[in-house]
Each structure stands twice: as C-alpha cells, then as structure tokens.
C-alpha atoms as a PDB file:
ATOM      1  CA  UNK A   1      72.271  40.363 338.484  1.00  0.00           C
ATOM      2  CA  UNK A   2      74.035  38.978 341.978  1.00  0.00           C
ATOM      3  CA  UNK A   3      75.055  35.422 342.087  1.00  0.00           C
ATOM      4  CA  UNK A   4      71.945  34.863 344.465  1.00  0.00           C
ATOM      5  CA  UNK A   5      69.497  36.261 341.659  1.00  0.00           C
ATOM      6  CA  UNK A   6      71.366  34.016 339.331  1.00  0.00           C
ATOM      7  CA  UNK A   7      70.912  30.819 341.795  1.00  0.00           C
ATOM      8  CA  UNK A   8      67.570  31.021 341.521  1.00  0.00           C
ATOM      9  CA  UNK A   9      67.490  31.305 337.787  1.00  0.00           C
ATOM     10  CA  UNK A  10      69.697  28.355 337.290  1.00  0.00           C
ATOM     11  CA  UNK A  11      67.165  26.496 339.713  1.00  0.00           C
ATOM     12  CA  UNK A  12      64.338  27.634 337.489  1.00  0.00           C
ATOM     13  CA  UNK A  13      66.601  26.245 334.574  1.00  0.00           C
ATOM     14  CA  UNK A  14      66.985  22.954 336.478  1.00  0.00           C
ATOM     15  CA  UNK A  15      63.398  22.735 337.115  1.00  0.00           C
ATOM     16  CA  UNK A  16      62.530  23.062 333.467  1.00  0.00           C
ATOM     17  CA  UNK A  17      64.885  20.509 332.377  1.00  0.00           C
ATOM     18  CA  UNK A  18      62.950  18.473 334.973  1.00  0.00           C
ATOM     19  CA  UNK A  19      59.977  19.073 333.259  1.00  0.00           C
ATOM     20  CA  UNK A  20      61.654  18.021 329.840  1.00  0.00           C
ATOM     21  CA  UNK A  21      62.992  14.849 331.070  1.00  0.00           C
ATOM     22  CA  UNK A  22      59.104  14.110 332.746  1.00  0.00           C
ATOM     23  CA  UNK A  23      58.297  14.873 328.994  1.00  0.00           C
ATOM     24  CA  UNK A  24      56.845  17.924 329.402  1.00  0.00           C
ATOM     25  CA  UNK A  25      58.038  21.657 327.865  1.00  0.00           C
ATOM     26  CA  UNK A  26      60.769  22.745 329.429  1.00  0.00           C
ATOM     27  CA  UNK A  27      59.762  25.735 332.093  1.00  0.00           C
ATOM     28  CA  UNK A  28      60.765  26.269 335.312  1.00  0.00           C
ATOM     29  CA  UNK A  29      59.785  28.837 338.036  1.00  0.00           C
ATOM     30  CA  UNK A  30      60.767  29.946 341.630  1.00  0.00           C
ATOM     31  CA  UNK A  31      59.009  32.261 344.190  1.00  0.00           C
ATOM     32  CA  UNK A  32      60.904  34.186 345.965  1.00  0.00           C
ATOM     33  CA  UNK A  33      60.317  36.422 349.206  1.00  0.00           C
ATOM     34  CA  UNK A  34      61.687  39.679 349.608  1.00  0.00           C
ATOM     35  CA  UNK A  35      63.820  38.495 351.996  1.00  0.00           C
ATOM     36  CA  UNK A  36      64.952  36.016 349.800  1.00  0.00           C
ATOM     37  CA  UNK A  37      63.584  32.717 350.832  1.00  0.00           C
ATOM     38  CA  UNK A  38      62.737  30.394 348.153  1.00  0.00           C
ATOM     39  CA  UNK A  39      58.756  29.942 348.835  1.00  0.00           C
ATOM     40  CA  UNK A  40      57.464  27.439 346.099  1.00  0.00           C
ATOM     41  CA  UNK A  41      58.603  26.626 343.024  1.00  0.00           C
ATOM     42  CA  UNK A  42      56.952  23.929 339.929  1.00  0.00           C
ATOM     43  CA  UNK A  43      57.510  22.941 337.086  1.00  0.00           C
ATOM     44  CA  UNK A  44      55.558  22.564 333.432  1.00  0.00           C
ATOM     45  CA  UNK A  45      53.230  19.966 333.901  1.00  0.00           C
ATOM     46  CA  UNK A  46      51.397  20.062 331.075  1.00  0.00           C
ATOM     47  CA  UNK A  47      51.965  16.887 329.461  1.00  0.00           C
ATOM     48  CA  UNK A  48      48.574  15.426 330.610  1.00  0.00           C
ATOM     49  CA  UNK A  49      46.765  17.293 328.425  1.00  0.00           C
ATOM     50  CA  UNK A  50      45.838  20.643 330.633  1.00  0.00           C
ATOM     51  CA  UNK A  51      47.748  23.378 328.723  1.00  0.00           C
ATOM     52  CA  UNK A  52      47.391  25.630 331.771  1.00  0.00           C
ATOM     53  CA  UNK A  53      49.537  24.012 333.733  1.00  0.00           C
ATOM     54  CA  UNK A  54      52.241  26.375 333.537  1.00  0.00           C
ATOM     55  CA  UNK A  55      54.629  26.974 336.464  1.00  0.00           C
ATOM     56  CA  UNK A  56      53.829  30.816 337.022  1.00  0.00           C
ATOM     57  CA  UNK A  57      50.480  30.251 337.094  1.00  0.00           C
ATOM     58  CA  UNK A  58      50.590  27.763 339.836  1.00  0.00           C
ATOM     59  CA  UNK A  59      52.790  30.037 342.213  1.00  0.00           C
ATOM     60  CA  UNK A  60      50.215  32.992 341.610  1.00  0.00           C
ATOM     61  CA  UNK A  61      47.712  30.462 343.020  1.00  0.00           C
ATOM     62  CA  UNK A  62      49.938  29.420 345.622  1.00  0.00           C
ATOM     63  CA  UNK A  63      51.017  32.593 346.305  1.00  0.00           C
ATOM     64  CA  UNK A  64      47.410  33.664 346.474  1.00  0.00           C
ATOM     65  CA  UNK A  65      46.521  31.056 348.834  1.00  0.00           C
ATOM     66  CA  UNK A  66      49.399  31.364 351.442  1.00  0.00           C
ATOM     67  CA  UNK A  67      50.869  35.367 351.150  1.00  0.00           C
ATOM     68  CA  UNK A  68      49.739  38.312 352.726  1.00  0.00           C
ATOM     69  CA  UNK A  69      48.680  41.212 349.702  1.00  0.00           C
ATOM     70  CA  UNK A  70      51.855  43.165 351.358  1.00  0.00           C
ATOM     71  CA  UNK A  71      54.488  39.958 350.856  1.00  0.00           C
ATOM     72  CA  UNK A  72      53.005  39.159 347.388  1.00  0.00           C
ATOM     73  CA  UNK A  73      54.046  42.745 345.787  1.00  0.00           C
ATOM     74  CA  UNK A  74      57.589  42.536 347.196  1.00  0.00           C
ATOM     75  CA  UNK A  75      58.247  39.082 346.244  1.00  0.00           C
ATOM     76  CA  UNK A  76      60.013  38.045 342.758  1.00  0.00           C
ATOM     77  CA  UNK A  77      59.104  35.206 340.471  1.00  0.00           C
ATOM     78  CA  UNK A  78      62.571  34.106 338.794  1.00  0.00           C
ATOM     79  CA  UNK A  79      61.137  32.044 335.438  1.00  0.00           C
ATOM     80  CA  UNK A  80      63.458  30.011 332.621  1.00  0.00           C
ATOM     81  CA  UNK A  81      61.218  31.556 330.280  1.00  0.00           C
ATOM     82  CA  UNK A  82      58.825  34.827 330.317  1.00  0.00           C
ATOM     83  CA  UNK A  83      55.685  34.382 331.193  1.00  0.00           C
ATOM     84  CA  UNK A  84      52.438  33.897 328.413  1.00  0.00           C
ATOM     85  CA  UNK A  85      49.519  36.091 328.579  1.00  0.00           C
ATOM     86  CA  UNK A  86      48.104  33.766 330.676  1.00  0.00           C
ATOM     87  CA  UNK A  87      50.508  33.586 333.674  1.00  0.00           C
ATOM     88  CA  UNK A  88      51.237  37.208 333.249  1.00  0.00           C
ATOM     89  CA  UNK A  89      47.585  37.911 333.934  1.00  0.00           C
ATOM     90  CA  UNK A  90      47.612  35.727 337.103  1.00  0.00           C
ATOM     91  CA  UNK A  91      50.726  37.523 338.034  1.00  0.00           C
ATOM     92  CA  UNK A  92      49.368  40.757 337.459  1.00  0.00           C
ATOM     93  CA  UNK A  93      45.728  40.094 339.387  1.00  0.00           C
ATOM     94  CA  UNK A  94      47.349  38.369 342.502  1.00  0.00           C
ATOM     95  CA  UNK A  95      49.304  41.016 343.060  1.00  0.00           C
ATOM     96  CA  UNK A  96      53.320  39.522 343.005  1.00  0.00           C
ATOM     97  CA  UNK A  97      55.850  41.743 342.280  1.00  0.00           C
ATOM     98  CA  UNK A  98      58.640  41.594 340.059  1.00  0.00           C
ATOM     99  CA  UNK A  99      59.567  38.672 337.576  1.00  0.00           C
ATOM    100  CA  UNK A 100      62.886  37.611 336.257  1.00  0.00           C
ATOM    101  CA  UNK A 101      63.252  36.016 332.742  1.00  0.00           C
ATOM    102  CA  UNK A 102      66.052  33.943 331.526  1.00  0.00           C
ATOM    103  CA  UNK A 103      64.428  34.112 327.816  1.00  0.00           C
ATOM    104  CA  UNK A 104      61.886  35.743 325.924  1.00  0.00           C
ATOM    105  CA  UNK A 105      58.632  34.932 324.663  1.00  0.00           C
ATOM    106  CA  UNK A 106      60.655  36.714 321.409  1.00  0.00           C
ATOM    107  CA  UNK A 107      63.360  33.978 321.655  1.00  0.00           C
ATOM    108  CA  UNK A 108      60.979  31.825 322.119  1.00  0.00           C
ATOM    109  CA  UNK A 109      59.396  32.110 319.075  1.00  0.00           C
ATOM    110  CA  UNK A 110      62.323  32.472 317.019  1.00  0.00           C
ATOM    111  CA  UNK A 111      63.164  29.428 318.404  1.00  0.00           C
ATOM    112  CA  UNK A 112      60.774  27.561 317.858  1.00  0.00           C
ATOM    113  CA  UNK A 113      60.235  28.867 314.190  1.00  0.00           C
ATOM    114  CA  UNK A 114      64.250  28.238 313.271  1.00  0.00           C
ATOM    115  CA  UNK A 115      62.799  24.162 314.830  1.00  0.00           C
ATOM    116  CA  UNK A 116      59.815  24.483 312.176  1.00  0.00           C
ATOM    117  CA  UNK A 117      57.532  24.181 315.174  1.00  0.00           C
ATOM    118  CA  UNK A 118      53.531  25.578 314.255  1.00  0.00           C
ATOM    119  CA  UNK A 119      53.531  28.694 316.250  1.00  0.00           C
ATOM    120  CA  UNK A 120      51.371  29.364 319.726  1.00  0.00           C
ATOM    121  CA  UNK A 121      47.476  29.295 319.682  1.00  0.00           C
ATOM    122  CA  UNK A 122      48.070  32.285 322.130  1.00  0.00           C
ATOM    123  CA  UNK A 123      49.427  35.798 320.641  1.00  0.00           C
ATOM    124  CA  UNK A 124      53.057  36.292 321.955  1.00  0.00           C
ATOM    125  CA  UNK A 125      52.847  39.742 324.352  1.00  0.00           C
ATOM    126  CA  UNK A 126      55.660  40.984 326.681  1.00  0.00           C
ATOM    127  CA  UNK A 127      55.129  40.926 329.797  1.00  0.00           C
ATOM    128  CA  UNK A 128      54.471  44.582 330.353  1.00  0.00           C
ATOM    129  CA  UNK A 129      51.528  44.479 328.019  1.00  0.00           C
ATOM    130  CA  UNK A 130      49.440  42.362 330.029  1.00  0.00           C
ATOM    131  CA  UNK A 131      50.442  44.061 333.346  1.00  0.00           C
ATOM    132  CA  UNK A 132      51.552  47.937 332.647  1.00  0.00           C
ATOM    133  CA  UNK A 133      53.981  48.835 335.400  1.00  0.00           C
ATOM    134  CA  UNK A 134      55.668  45.825 336.515  1.00  0.00           C
ATOM    135  CA  UNK A 135      58.823  45.437 336.889  1.00  0.00           C
ATOM    136  CA  UNK A 136      60.468  42.855 334.474  1.00  0.00           C
ATOM    137  CA  UNK A 137      63.995  41.579 333.734  1.00  0.00           C
ATOM    138  CA  UNK A 138      65.367  39.640 331.274  1.00  0.00           C
ATOM    139  CA  UNK A 139      66.413  38.176 329.122  1.00  0.00           C
ATOM    140  CA  UNK A 140      69.442  36.920 331.096  1.00  0.00           C
ATOM    141  CA  UNK A 141      72.279  36.081 328.594  1.00  0.00           C
ATOM    142  CA  UNK A 142      74.309  34.272 331.484  1.00  0.00           C
ATOM    143  CA  UNK A 143      71.700  30.918 330.720  1.00  0.00           C
ATOM    144  CA  UNK A 144      69.663  31.906 327.648  1.00  0.00           C
ATOM    145  CA  UNK A 145      71.644  29.541 325.386  1.00  0.00           C
ATOM    146  CA  UNK A 146      71.222  26.577 328.218  1.00  0.00           C
ATOM    147  CA  UNK A 147      67.196  27.502 327.890  1.00  0.00           C
ATOM    148  CA  UNK A 148      67.828  27.504 324.050  1.00  0.00           C
ATOM    149  CA  UNK A 149      69.252  24.023 324.299  1.00  0.00           C
ATOM    150  CA  UNK A 150      66.716  22.564 326.270  1.00  0.00           C
ATOM    151  CA  UNK A 151      63.940  23.578 323.503  1.00  0.00           C
ATOM    152  CA  UNK A 152      66.394  21.986 320.646  1.00  0.00           C
ATOM    153  CA  UNK A 153      66.338  18.775 322.995  1.00  0.00           C
ATOM    154  CA  UNK A 154      62.305  18.582 323.119  1.00  0.00           C
ATOM    155  CA  UNK A 155      61.697  18.976 319.855  1.00  0.00           C
ATOM    156  CA  UNK A 156      64.932  16.654 318.478  1.00  0.00           C
ATOM    157  CA  UNK A 157      62.838  14.300 320.299  1.00  0.00           C
ATOM    158  CA  UNK A 158      59.294  14.794 318.704  1.00  0.00           C
ATOM    159  CA  UNK A 159      61.088  15.037 315.224  1.00  0.00           C
END
C-alpha cells in the first residue's frame, strides 16, 4: 500500500464520516482510473429508506454509464468497508477491476455483534465468493480502527 493508495482509502473513510454526519451508515467509496485519477465518489445514502443506496453500487452504475469496458477493468474501487453481496455483484456485472477495502465484512459483523446490533438480513460473503477471480485487497490495518470508531459512534447515537 503506497501513500497514493492510502490517500484514496483515507478519502473513502472521510466519505464514510460524511455519511454518518448526515444520518446514514458510515460507508464511503472512491473510483480511481488506471492513471490514478479520481473519477467518482459517493457515500452511503440509505437514511431515506432505500437500503440499496450504497456507494459501491452507485459507483458500479456510474462506471457502466461513463467508462468503456476496458477502462472499467483497469479501474480500482477504494472503499471504507468490504462490498456487500449486492455491491460485489454490481461490481462484477459491470466489469470493474480491483477492490481495496479498509475493513472486512467479517470485522464489521464482529463489531456490530459486540455492540448488540441485530445481524444483517443479507448473508455476509467475501467478495471473491460473489465475484470469483476478482483482485481484492483488505483489510488495511492503518485505517480499520478509524472505521470501527465510526460504527461505534453510529450505534452509540442509536442506543
């Protein structure tokens, strides 16, 4: 993990904090071209009641509309948390390249369990189980405690 990639991941965590501050669950993602240009970014937007408004899903749709298949395959999504199965499938269907995530779904599941939060209605699956052969990197120890702190803040507010 070089400083440039750590910068993209830091931005994803900043977007997760923006989501939390807006009343959403703390998730954020950044789509980066093979040349290192930030093409699009988003944060979680499920507070309005649509649980599909994940940033990773948004980036998959954005990429399908704005990038060639070749450019999508060479791009990387940097994200605060490992893709859920819905987002991993969208990523795979549009042919995006590598994923780098700060915290894993398994970590999140443990953190939420420790906080007494009910389990997700969707199975926790590693990205590679949904999209075999995809290059995936994470968790990233330099930032995972920042993401953990965001989830603690969210659920402290809800209790």
